[in-house]
Amino acid sequence: MVEHQQDAAKGIGQHLGMEDKLAKLGWRVEVSGLTALRAGQPAPVGVRVVDLAGRPVAAVSASLELGRPGQASQTRLRLAEAADGHRGILAGIEAGTWVATLRLARGQDLVTLEHGLEVR
């Protein structure tokens, strides 16, 4: 039980560290398409990285992976650059709980964000 609490504390610390890094970079991240996912149905996903004024941040690459909690990523979504950010189509995945891991990179700057999803 102590180990779990330590792991939870590390996860919270990492999350706060990434939020702090986003703030220092002046980036805001907008993700669309990951709410209301339906099992077996493809879904368009979009990722935008903007500055505090709402302007797109140039030269940011993005990748998105999904996996079950506590397991390695099982699905990788290829995100292609588009005029309004990055876009891709998430293949239909099974129902249940998933963890989405979004990685954003520009030069030496790397931000990794995780978010829990429920697919019905």
C-alpha atoms as a PDB file:
ATOM      1  CA  MET A   1       0.000   0.000   0.000  1.00  0.00           C
ATOM      2  CA  VAL A   2       2.849   2.405   0.731  1.00  0.00           C
ATOM      3  CA  GLU A   3       4.296   1.712  -2.710  1.00  0.00           C
ATOM      4  CA  HIS A   4       1.023   2.707  -4.368  1.00  0.00           C
ATOM      5  CA  GLN A   5       0.910   5.971  -2.429  1.00  0.00           C
ATOM      6  CA  GLN A   6       4.474   6.744  -3.484  1.00  0.00           C
ATOM      7  CA  ASP A   7       3.634   6.001  -7.122  1.00  0.00           C
ATOM      8  CA  ALA A   8       0.558   8.216  -6.883  1.00  0.00           C
ATOM      9  CA  ALA A   9       2.655  11.018  -5.414  1.00  0.00           C
ATOM     10  CA  LYS A  10       5.197  10.666  -8.251  1.00  0.00           C
ATOM     11  CA  GLY A  11       2.370  10.843 -10.807  1.00  0.00           C
ATOM     12  CA  ILE A  12       0.957  13.991  -9.245  1.00  0.00           C
ATOM     13  CA  GLY A  13       4.421  15.550  -9.128  1.00  0.00           C
ATOM     14  CA  GLN A  14       5.044  14.733 -12.781  1.00  0.00           C
ATOM     15  CA  HIS A  15       1.666  16.193 -13.769  1.00  0.00           C
ATOM     16  CA  LEU A  16       2.382  19.412 -11.879  1.00  0.00           C
ATOM     17  CA  GLY A  17       5.853  19.552 -13.416  1.00  0.00           C
ATOM     18  CA  MET A  18       4.415  19.315 -16.927  1.00  0.00           C
ATOM     19  CA  GLU A  19       1.793  21.979 -16.159  1.00  0.00           C
ATOM     20  CA  ASP A  20       4.592  24.226 -14.891  1.00  0.00           C
ATOM     21  CA  LYS A  21       6.645  23.538 -18.023  1.00  0.00           C
ATOM     22  CA  LEU A  22       3.681  24.461 -20.254  1.00  0.00           C
ATOM     23  CA  ALA A  23       3.266  27.702 -18.332  1.00  0.00           C
ATOM     24  CA  LYS A  24       6.973  28.557 -18.661  1.00  0.00           C
ATOM     25  CA  LEU A  25       6.851  27.864 -22.403  1.00  0.00           C
ATOM     26  CA  GLY A  26       3.707  29.980 -22.686  1.00  0.00           C
ATOM     27  CA  TRP A  27       1.834  27.098 -24.340  1.00  0.00           C
ATOM     28  CA  ARG A  28      -1.787  26.055 -24.025  1.00  0.00           C
ATOM     29  CA  VAL A  29      -2.846  22.665 -25.355  1.00  0.00           C
ATOM     30  CA  GLU A  30      -6.271  22.067 -26.871  1.00  0.00           C
ATOM     31  CA  VAL A  31      -7.306  18.482 -27.609  1.00  0.00           C
ATOM     32  CA  SER A  32     -10.532  17.548 -29.372  1.00  0.00           C
ATOM     33  CA  GLY A  33     -12.135  14.208 -30.130  1.00  0.00           C
ATOM     34  CA  LEU A  34     -11.244  12.212 -27.020  1.00  0.00           C
ATOM     35  CA  THR A  35     -14.523  12.730 -25.200  1.00  0.00           C
ATOM     36  CA  ALA A  36     -17.525  10.512 -25.815  1.00  0.00           C
ATOM     37  CA  LEU A  37     -15.509   7.795 -27.591  1.00  0.00           C
ATOM     38  CA  ARG A  38     -17.553   4.765 -28.647  1.00  0.00           C
ATOM     39  CA  ALA A  39     -16.119   1.253 -28.762  1.00  0.00           C
ATOM     40  CA  GLY A  40     -15.203   0.117 -32.251  1.00  0.00           C
ATOM     41  CA  GLN A  41     -15.933   3.482 -33.865  1.00  0.00           C
ATOM     42  CA  PRO A  42     -13.162   5.589 -35.440  1.00  0.00           C
ATOM     43  CA  ALA A  43     -12.935   9.150 -34.152  1.00  0.00           C
ATOM     44  CA  PRO A  44     -11.188  12.255 -35.508  1.00  0.00           C
ATOM     45  CA  VAL A  45      -8.705  13.717 -33.010  1.00  0.00           C
ATOM     46  CA  GLY A  46      -7.178  17.183 -33.091  1.00  0.00           C
ATOM     47  CA  VAL A  47      -4.352  18.760 -31.094  1.00  0.00           C
ATOM     48  CA  ARG A  48      -3.568  22.469 -31.097  1.00  0.00           C
ATOM     49  CA  VAL A  49      -0.699  24.141 -29.290  1.00  0.00           C
ATOM     50  CA  VAL A  50      -1.212  27.874 -28.953  1.00  0.00           C
ATOM     51  CA  ASP A  51       0.529  30.680 -27.112  1.00  0.00           C
ATOM     52  CA  LEU A  52      -1.161  32.757 -24.425  1.00  0.00           C
ATOM     53  CA  ALA A  53      -2.570  35.099 -27.099  1.00  0.00           C
ATOM     54  CA  GLY A  54      -4.177  32.135 -28.892  1.00  0.00           C
ATOM     55  CA  ARG A  55      -1.734  32.079 -31.837  1.00  0.00           C
ATOM     56  CA  PRO A  56      -0.480  28.666 -33.047  1.00  0.00           C
ATOM     57  CA  VAL A  57       2.992  27.719 -31.817  1.00  0.00           C
ATOM     58  CA  ALA A  58       5.189  26.832 -34.800  1.00  0.00           C
ATOM     59  CA  ALA A  59       7.380  23.753 -35.224  1.00  0.00           C
ATOM     60  CA  VAL A  60       5.762  21.613 -32.519  1.00  0.00           C
ATOM     61  CA  SER A  61       5.517  17.893 -33.249  1.00  0.00           C
ATOM     62  CA  ALA A  62       2.816  15.818 -31.560  1.00  0.00           C
ATOM     63  CA  SER A  63       2.209  12.129 -30.952  1.00  0.00           C
ATOM     64  CA  LEU A  64      -0.590  10.377 -29.108  1.00  0.00           C
ATOM     65  CA  GLU A  65      -0.583   6.882 -27.629  1.00  0.00           C
ATOM     66  CA  LEU A  66      -3.294   4.983 -25.791  1.00  0.00           C
ATOM     67  CA  GLY A  67      -2.877   2.112 -23.400  1.00  0.00           C
ATOM     68  CA  ARG A  68      -4.640   0.413 -20.558  1.00  0.00           C
ATOM     69  CA  PRO A  69      -3.775   1.682 -17.063  1.00  0.00           C
ATOM     70  CA  GLY A  70      -0.541   0.114 -15.848  1.00  0.00           C
ATOM     71  CA  GLN A  71       0.291  -1.365 -19.269  1.00  0.00           C
ATOM     72  CA  ALA A  72       2.430  -0.287 -22.191  1.00  0.00           C
ATOM     73  CA  SER A  73       0.765   1.746 -24.923  1.00  0.00           C
ATOM     74  CA  GLN A  74      -1.256  -0.425 -27.266  1.00  0.00           C
ATOM     75  CA  THR A  75      -2.426   2.092 -29.853  1.00  0.00           C
ATOM     76  CA  ARG A  76      -0.431   4.866 -31.463  1.00  0.00           C
ATOM     77  CA  LEU A  77      -2.233   7.607 -33.343  1.00  0.00           C
ATOM     78  CA  ARG A  78      -0.311   9.269 -36.113  1.00  0.00           C
ATOM     79  CA  LEU A  79      -0.951  12.993 -35.972  1.00  0.00           C
ATOM     80  CA  ALA A  80      -0.288  14.880 -39.189  1.00  0.00           C
ATOM     81  CA  GLU A  81       0.338  18.607 -39.290  1.00  0.00           C
ATOM     82  CA  ALA A  82      -2.652  20.593 -40.473  1.00  0.00           C
ATOM     83  CA  ALA A  83      -3.387  24.293 -40.857  1.00  0.00           C
ATOM     84  CA  ASP A  84      -5.026  24.371 -37.437  1.00  0.00           C
ATOM     85  CA  GLY A  85      -2.658  22.051 -35.530  1.00  0.00           C
ATOM     86  CA  HIS A  86      -2.339  18.288 -35.770  1.00  0.00           C
ATOM     87  CA  ARG A  87      -5.042  15.859 -36.906  1.00  0.00           C
ATOM     88  CA  GLY A  88      -5.522  12.120 -37.012  1.00  0.00           C
ATOM     89  CA  ILE A  89      -8.155   9.409 -36.983  1.00  0.00           C
ATOM     90  CA  LEU A  90      -8.212   7.160 -33.933  1.00  0.00           C
ATOM     91  CA  ALA A  91      -9.123   3.620 -34.972  1.00  0.00           C
ATOM     92  CA  GLY A  92     -12.018   2.074 -33.086  1.00  0.00           C
ATOM     93  CA  ILE A  93     -10.758   0.776 -29.741  1.00  0.00           C
ATOM     94  CA  GLU A  94     -12.328  -1.534 -27.184  1.00  0.00           C
ATOM     95  CA  ALA A  95     -14.604  -0.327 -24.417  1.00  0.00           C
ATOM     96  CA  GLY A  96     -13.129   0.342 -20.999  1.00  0.00           C
ATOM     97  CA  THR A  97     -10.629   2.557 -19.279  1.00  0.00           C
ATOM     98  CA  TRP A  98      -7.648   3.903 -21.246  1.00  0.00           C
ATOM     99  CA  VAL A  99      -4.793   6.330 -20.624  1.00  0.00           C
ATOM    100  CA  ALA A 100      -3.976   8.788 -23.414  1.00  0.00           C
ATOM    101  CA  THR A 101      -0.364  10.000 -23.501  1.00  0.00           C
ATOM    102  CA  LEU A 102       0.276  13.121 -25.560  1.00  0.00           C
ATOM    103  CA  ARG A 103       3.883  14.081 -26.329  1.00  0.00           C
ATOM    104  CA  LEU A 104       4.705  17.532 -27.649  1.00  0.00           C
ATOM    105  CA  ALA A 105       8.209  18.475 -28.760  1.00  0.00           C
ATOM    106  CA  ARG A 106       9.944  21.531 -30.156  1.00  0.00           C
ATOM    107  CA  GLY A 107      13.721  21.535 -30.207  1.00  0.00           C
ATOM    108  CA  GLN A 108      14.890  20.619 -26.700  1.00  0.00           C
ATOM    109  CA  ASP A 109      11.449  21.247 -25.186  1.00  0.00           C
ATOM    110  CA  LEU A 110       9.445  18.087 -24.474  1.00  0.00           C
ATOM    111  CA  VAL A 111       6.100  17.968 -22.697  1.00  0.00           C
ATOM    112  CA  THR A 112       4.290  14.727 -21.873  1.00  0.00           C
ATOM    113  CA  LEU A 113       0.672  14.870 -20.744  1.00  0.00           C
ATOM    114  CA  GLU A 114      -1.506  11.963 -19.626  1.00  0.00           C
ATOM    115  CA  HIS A 115      -5.282  11.815 -19.360  1.00  0.00           C
ATOM    116  CA  GLY A 116      -7.666   9.043 -18.395  1.00  0.00           C
ATOM    117  CA  LEU A 117     -10.409   8.130 -20.879  1.00  0.00           C
ATOM    118  CA  GLU A 118     -13.523   6.012 -20.649  1.00  0.00           C
ATOM    119  CA  VAL A 119     -14.635   4.355 -23.879  1.00  0.00           C
ATOM    120  CA  ARG A 120     -18.214   3.115 -23.872  1.00  0.00           C
END
